[in-house]
Amino acid sequence: MRAAIALSLLALMLIVRPAAAVQPDEILPDPVQETRARELSKELRCMVCQNQSIDDSDAPLARDLRLLVRERITAGDTDREVLDYLVARYGEFVLMRPTWHGANVLLWGAPFAVLVIGGFGLWVAYRRRAANAPAAAALSAEEEARLRDVLGTHGAGDAPADVTKV
């Protein structure tokens, strides 16, 4: 019985897979072009869902973008030309992996710069604090006598040699 349940669950896991949002009427007749379209669709962000590619999204805008990609591929555009066309139309936000130029470098590097600047600031503050810290002053004879009175140690045998180390 356990083996049957285990086999049923295994078969279910093999059968059930995440379904792509591509509709049958979107699929190109040429398998090579369709494969290119699917690969490009995985690199493009759904502007509605924002965390899904247009290949996975059911949003109407994602469908429009999938159709636009297929239209450009059918027209003979290369993959780079299709991506450039969509970036020119929608901005770099449409790419799942933005490029490393212009303001993007600043956005990617800013967290690391903040960490480095913060670490440097903490180091400087520590150094200033250590330099400005007053040295431990020795107690005068009157202060030592008062301290002994407060601590209740009057005899010389009871008191340590240096009461500042009590």
C-alpha atoms as a PDB file:
ATOM      1  CA  MET A   1       0.000   0.000   0.000  1.00  0.00           C
ATOM      2  CA  ARG A   2       2.823   2.412   0.907  1.00  0.00           C
ATOM      3  CA  ALA A   3       4.584   1.659  -2.358  1.00  0.00           C
ATOM      4  CA  ALA A   4       1.419   2.461  -4.316  1.00  0.00           C
ATOM      5  CA  ILE A   5       1.009   5.789  -2.516  1.00  0.00           C
ATOM      6  CA  ALA A   6       4.673   6.647  -3.071  1.00  0.00           C
ATOM      7  CA  LEU A   7       4.428   5.804  -6.779  1.00  0.00           C
ATOM      8  CA  SER A   8       1.232   7.839  -7.108  1.00  0.00           C
ATOM      9  CA  LEU A   9       2.866  10.873  -5.501  1.00  0.00           C
ATOM     10  CA  LEU A  10       5.954  10.484  -7.673  1.00  0.00           C
ATOM     11  CA  ALA A  11       3.832  10.260 -10.814  1.00  0.00           C
ATOM     12  CA  LEU A  12       1.853  13.319  -9.735  1.00  0.00           C
ATOM     13  CA  MET A  13       5.053  15.319  -9.184  1.00  0.00           C
ATOM     14  CA  LEU A  14       6.307  14.345 -12.636  1.00  0.00           C
ATOM     15  CA  ILE A  15       3.037  15.239 -14.320  1.00  0.00           C
ATOM     16  CA  VAL A  16       2.260  18.507 -12.525  1.00  0.00           C
ATOM     17  CA  ARG A  17       4.628  21.238 -13.648  1.00  0.00           C
ATOM     18  CA  PRO A  18       4.265  25.011 -13.627  1.00  0.00           C
ATOM     19  CA  ALA A  19       2.322  25.938 -16.707  1.00  0.00           C
ATOM     20  CA  ALA A  20       3.648  28.637 -18.969  1.00  0.00           C
ATOM     21  CA  ALA A  21       1.251  31.398 -19.823  1.00  0.00           C
ATOM     22  CA  VAL A  22       1.817  31.092 -23.560  1.00  0.00           C
ATOM     23  CA  GLN A  23      -1.488  30.483 -25.287  1.00  0.00           C
ATOM     24  CA  PRO A  24      -1.796  28.060 -28.222  1.00  0.00           C
ATOM     25  CA  ASP A  25      -2.718  30.872 -30.614  1.00  0.00           C
ATOM     26  CA  GLU A  26       0.582  32.655 -29.799  1.00  0.00           C
ATOM     27  CA  ILE A  27       2.866  29.770 -30.775  1.00  0.00           C
ATOM     28  CA  LEU A  28       4.820  30.241 -33.998  1.00  0.00           C
ATOM     29  CA  PRO A  29       4.684  27.474 -36.616  1.00  0.00           C
ATOM     30  CA  ASP A  30       8.482  27.396 -36.964  1.00  0.00           C
ATOM     31  CA  PRO A  31       9.930  25.504 -33.937  1.00  0.00           C
ATOM     32  CA  VAL A  32      13.273  27.352 -34.168  1.00  0.00           C
ATOM     33  CA  GLN A  33      11.568  30.745 -34.063  1.00  0.00           C
ATOM     34  CA  GLU A  34       9.288  29.580 -31.246  1.00  0.00           C
ATOM     35  CA  THR A  35      12.303  28.443 -29.216  1.00  0.00           C
ATOM     36  CA  ARG A  36      13.923  31.866 -29.730  1.00  0.00           C
ATOM     37  CA  ALA A  37      10.691  33.584 -28.709  1.00  0.00           C
ATOM     38  CA  ARG A  38      10.428  31.491 -25.538  1.00  0.00           C
ATOM     39  CA  GLU A  39      14.050  32.225 -24.576  1.00  0.00           C
ATOM     40  CA  LEU A  40      13.563  35.948 -25.156  1.00  0.00           C
ATOM     41  CA  SER A  41      10.299  35.901 -23.204  1.00  0.00           C
ATOM     42  CA  LYS A  42      12.131  34.481 -20.195  1.00  0.00           C
ATOM     43  CA  GLU A  43      14.500  37.486 -20.253  1.00  0.00           C
ATOM     44  CA  LEU A  44      11.699  40.081 -20.298  1.00  0.00           C
ATOM     45  CA  ARG A  45       9.858  41.301 -17.197  1.00  0.00           C
ATOM     46  CA  CYS A  46       6.107  41.590 -17.037  1.00  0.00           C
ATOM     47  CA  MET A  47       5.413  45.259 -16.394  1.00  0.00           C
ATOM     48  CA  VAL A  48       2.271  44.359 -14.404  1.00  0.00           C
ATOM     49  CA  CYS A  49       3.562  41.455 -12.273  1.00  0.00           C
ATOM     50  CA  GLN A  50       7.145  42.803 -12.080  1.00  0.00           C
ATOM     51  CA  ASN A  51       8.581  39.598 -10.579  1.00  0.00           C
ATOM     52  CA  GLN A  52       7.617  37.308 -13.426  1.00  0.00           C
ATOM     53  CA  SER A  53       8.843  36.990 -16.945  1.00  0.00           C
ATOM     54  CA  ILE A  54       6.356  37.567 -19.712  1.00  0.00           C
ATOM     55  CA  ASP A  55       6.656  33.845 -20.442  1.00  0.00           C
ATOM     56  CA  ASP A  56       5.157  33.036 -17.025  1.00  0.00           C
ATOM     57  CA  SER A  57       2.656  35.876 -16.671  1.00  0.00           C
ATOM     58  CA  ASP A  58      -1.035  35.729 -17.520  1.00  0.00           C
ATOM     59  CA  ALA A  59      -1.411  39.522 -17.591  1.00  0.00           C
ATOM     60  CA  PRO A  60      -2.826  41.020 -20.803  1.00  0.00           C
ATOM     61  CA  LEU A  61       0.243  43.258 -21.180  1.00  0.00           C
ATOM     62  CA  ALA A  62       2.503  40.197 -20.967  1.00  0.00           C
ATOM     63  CA  ARG A  63       0.485  38.592 -23.752  1.00  0.00           C
ATOM     64  CA  ASP A  64       0.896  41.746 -25.848  1.00  0.00           C
ATOM     65  CA  LEU A  65       4.646  41.688 -25.255  1.00  0.00           C
ATOM     66  CA  ARG A  66       4.854  37.985 -26.160  1.00  0.00           C
ATOM     67  CA  LEU A  67       3.009  38.717 -29.405  1.00  0.00           C
ATOM     68  CA  LEU A  68       5.302  41.681 -30.073  1.00  0.00           C
ATOM     69  CA  VAL A  69       8.392  39.510 -29.562  1.00  0.00           C
ATOM     70  CA  ARG A  70       7.037  36.901 -31.952  1.00  0.00           C
ATOM     71  CA  GLU A  71       6.127  39.585 -34.489  1.00  0.00           C
ATOM     72  CA  ARG A  72       9.674  41.012 -34.397  1.00  0.00           C
ATOM     73  CA  ILE A  73      11.212  37.532 -34.724  1.00  0.00           C
ATOM     74  CA  THR A  74       8.956  36.749 -37.685  1.00  0.00           C
ATOM     75  CA  ALA A  75      10.034  40.063 -39.266  1.00  0.00           C
ATOM     76  CA  GLY A  76      13.645  38.821 -39.142  1.00  0.00           C
ATOM     77  CA  ASP A  77      15.046  40.746 -36.161  1.00  0.00           C
ATOM     78  CA  THR A  78      17.925  39.241 -34.214  1.00  0.00           C
ATOM     79  CA  ASP A  79      17.568  38.611 -30.485  1.00  0.00           C
ATOM     80  CA  ARG A  80      19.593  41.773 -29.729  1.00  0.00           C
ATOM     81  CA  GLU A  81      17.380  43.851 -32.047  1.00  0.00           C
ATOM     82  CA  VAL A  82      14.224  42.559 -30.342  1.00  0.00           C
ATOM     83  CA  LEU A  83      15.615  43.383 -26.901  1.00  0.00           C
ATOM     84  CA  ASP A  84      16.832  46.804 -28.054  1.00  0.00           C
ATOM     85  CA  TYR A  85      13.404  47.558 -29.518  1.00  0.00           C
ATOM     86  CA  LEU A  86      11.649  46.672 -26.257  1.00  0.00           C
ATOM     87  CA  VAL A  87      14.161  48.611 -24.132  1.00  0.00           C
ATOM     88  CA  ALA A  88      13.716  51.653 -26.366  1.00  0.00           C
ATOM     89  CA  ARG A  89       9.956  51.380 -25.972  1.00  0.00           C
ATOM     90  CA  TYR A  90       9.632  50.430 -22.272  1.00  0.00           C
ATOM     91  CA  GLY A  91      13.006  51.255 -20.706  1.00  0.00           C
ATOM     92  CA  GLU A  92      15.511  48.933 -19.068  1.00  0.00           C
ATOM     93  CA  PHE A  93      12.970  47.927 -16.445  1.00  0.00           C
ATOM     94  CA  VAL A  94      11.576  45.475 -18.996  1.00  0.00           C
ATOM     95  CA  LEU A  95      14.788  43.407 -18.738  1.00  0.00           C
ATOM     96  CA  MET A  96      14.946  40.744 -16.019  1.00  0.00           C
ATOM     97  CA  ARG A  97      18.727  41.325 -15.829  1.00  0.00           C
ATOM     98  CA  PRO A  98      19.502  45.036 -16.329  1.00  0.00           C
ATOM     99  CA  THR A  99      22.758  46.043 -17.999  1.00  0.00           C
ATOM    100  CA  TRP A 100      25.845  47.370 -16.199  1.00  0.00           C
ATOM    101  CA  HIS A 101      26.097  50.913 -17.501  1.00  0.00           C
ATOM    102  CA  GLY A 102      24.993  54.422 -16.656  1.00  0.00           C
ATOM    103  CA  ALA A 103      22.785  54.849 -13.607  1.00  0.00           C
ATOM    104  CA  ASN A 104      22.560  51.073 -13.112  1.00  0.00           C
ATOM    105  CA  VAL A 105      26.196  50.950 -11.994  1.00  0.00           C
ATOM    106  CA  LEU A 106      25.382  53.557  -9.362  1.00  0.00           C
ATOM    107  CA  LEU A 107      22.325  51.617  -8.215  1.00  0.00           C
ATOM    108  CA  TRP A 108      24.210  48.312  -7.982  1.00  0.00           C
ATOM    109  CA  GLY A 109      27.243  49.880  -6.296  1.00  0.00           C
ATOM    110  CA  ALA A 110      25.461  52.156  -3.819  1.00  0.00           C
ATOM    111  CA  PRO A 111      24.869  49.525  -1.089  1.00  0.00           C
ATOM    112  CA  PHE A 112      28.541  48.533  -1.111  1.00  0.00           C
ATOM    113  CA  ALA A 113      29.641  52.167  -1.054  1.00  0.00           C
ATOM    114  CA  VAL A 114      27.371  52.839   1.934  1.00  0.00           C
ATOM    115  CA  LEU A 115      28.894  49.867   3.784  1.00  0.00           C
ATOM    116  CA  VAL A 116      32.448  51.021   3.071  1.00  0.00           C
ATOM    117  CA  ILE A 117      31.720  54.644   4.043  1.00  0.00           C
ATOM    118  CA  GLY A 118      29.897  53.527   7.201  1.00  0.00           C
ATOM    119  CA  GLY A 119      32.758  51.236   8.193  1.00  0.00           C
ATOM    120  CA  PHE A 120      35.264  54.023   7.629  1.00  0.00           C
ATOM    121  CA  GLY A 121      33.124  56.406   9.715  1.00  0.00           C
ATOM    122  CA  LEU A 122      32.947  53.897  12.569  1.00  0.00           C
ATOM    123  CA  TRP A 123      36.712  53.398  12.434  1.00  0.00           C
ATOM    124  CA  VAL A 124      37.333  57.182  12.559  1.00  0.00           C
ATOM    125  CA  ALA A 125      34.869  57.600  15.451  1.00  0.00           C
ATOM    126  CA  TYR A 126      36.556  54.793  17.380  1.00  0.00           C
ATOM    127  CA  ARG A 127      39.993  56.290  16.805  1.00  0.00           C
ATOM    128  CA  ARG A 128      38.827  59.757  17.942  1.00  0.00           C
ATOM    129  CA  ARG A 129      37.161  58.355  21.030  1.00  0.00           C
ATOM    130  CA  ALA A 130      40.275  56.376  21.971  1.00  0.00           C
ATOM    131  CA  ALA A 131      42.504  59.439  21.453  1.00  0.00           C
ATOM    132  CA  ASN A 132      40.259  61.751  23.498  1.00  0.00           C
ATOM    133  CA  ALA A 133      39.631  59.332  26.359  1.00  0.00           C
ATOM    134  CA  PRO A 134      41.128  60.664  29.600  1.00  0.00           C
ATOM    135  CA  ALA A 135      43.849  58.574  31.173  1.00  0.00           C
ATOM    136  CA  ALA A 136      42.934  56.882  34.420  1.00  0.00           C
ATOM    137  CA  ALA A 137      44.153  59.229  37.159  1.00  0.00           C
ATOM    138  CA  ALA A 138      45.694  57.883  40.346  1.00  0.00           C
ATOM    139  CA  LEU A 139      43.822  58.651  43.544  1.00  0.00           C
ATOM    140  CA  SER A 140      45.233  61.115  46.004  1.00  0.00           C
ATOM    141  CA  ALA A 141      45.924  60.046  49.623  1.00  0.00           C
ATOM    142  CA  GLU A 142      42.751  61.823  50.777  1.00  0.00           C
ATOM    143  CA  GLU A 143      40.626  60.040  48.119  1.00  0.00           C
ATOM    144  CA  GLU A 144      42.121  56.674  49.047  1.00  0.00           C
ATOM    145  CA  ALA A 145      41.288  57.259  52.744  1.00  0.00           C
ATOM    146  CA  ARG A 146      37.720  58.249  51.866  1.00  0.00           C
ATOM    147  CA  LEU A 147      37.352  55.190  49.643  1.00  0.00           C
ATOM    148  CA  ARG A 148      38.560  52.931  52.473  1.00  0.00           C
ATOM    149  CA  ASP A 149      36.010  54.535  54.808  1.00  0.00           C
ATOM    150  CA  VAL A 150      33.214  53.912  52.302  1.00  0.00           C
ATOM    151  CA  LEU A 151      34.309  50.331  51.682  1.00  0.00           C
ATOM    152  CA  GLY A 152      34.779  49.722  55.399  1.00  0.00           C
ATOM    153  CA  THR A 153      38.397  48.616  55.175  1.00  0.00           C
ATOM    154  CA  HIS A 154      40.316  50.585  57.809  1.00  0.00           C
ATOM    155  CA  GLY A 155      43.229  48.361  58.680  1.00  0.00           C
ATOM    156  CA  ALA A 156      46.341  48.231  56.570  1.00  0.00           C
ATOM    157  CA  GLY A 157      46.194  44.426  56.573  1.00  0.00           C
ATOM    158  CA  ASP A 158      42.688  44.409  55.104  1.00  0.00           C
ATOM    159  CA  ALA A 159      43.268  46.888  52.333  1.00  0.00           C
ATOM    160  CA  PRO A 160      44.916  45.923  49.088  1.00  0.00           C
ATOM    161  CA  ALA A 161      48.054  47.748  48.084  1.00  0.00           C
ATOM    162  CA  ASP A 162      46.206  49.762  45.403  1.00  0.00           C
ATOM    163  CA  VAL A 163      42.556  50.504  46.192  1.00  0.00           C
ATOM    164  CA  THR A 164      41.883  51.519  42.603  1.00  0.00           C
ATOM    165  CA  LYS A 165      42.001  47.843  41.647  1.00  0.00           C
ATOM    166  CA  VAL A 166      39.213  46.808  44.038  1.00  0.00           C
END
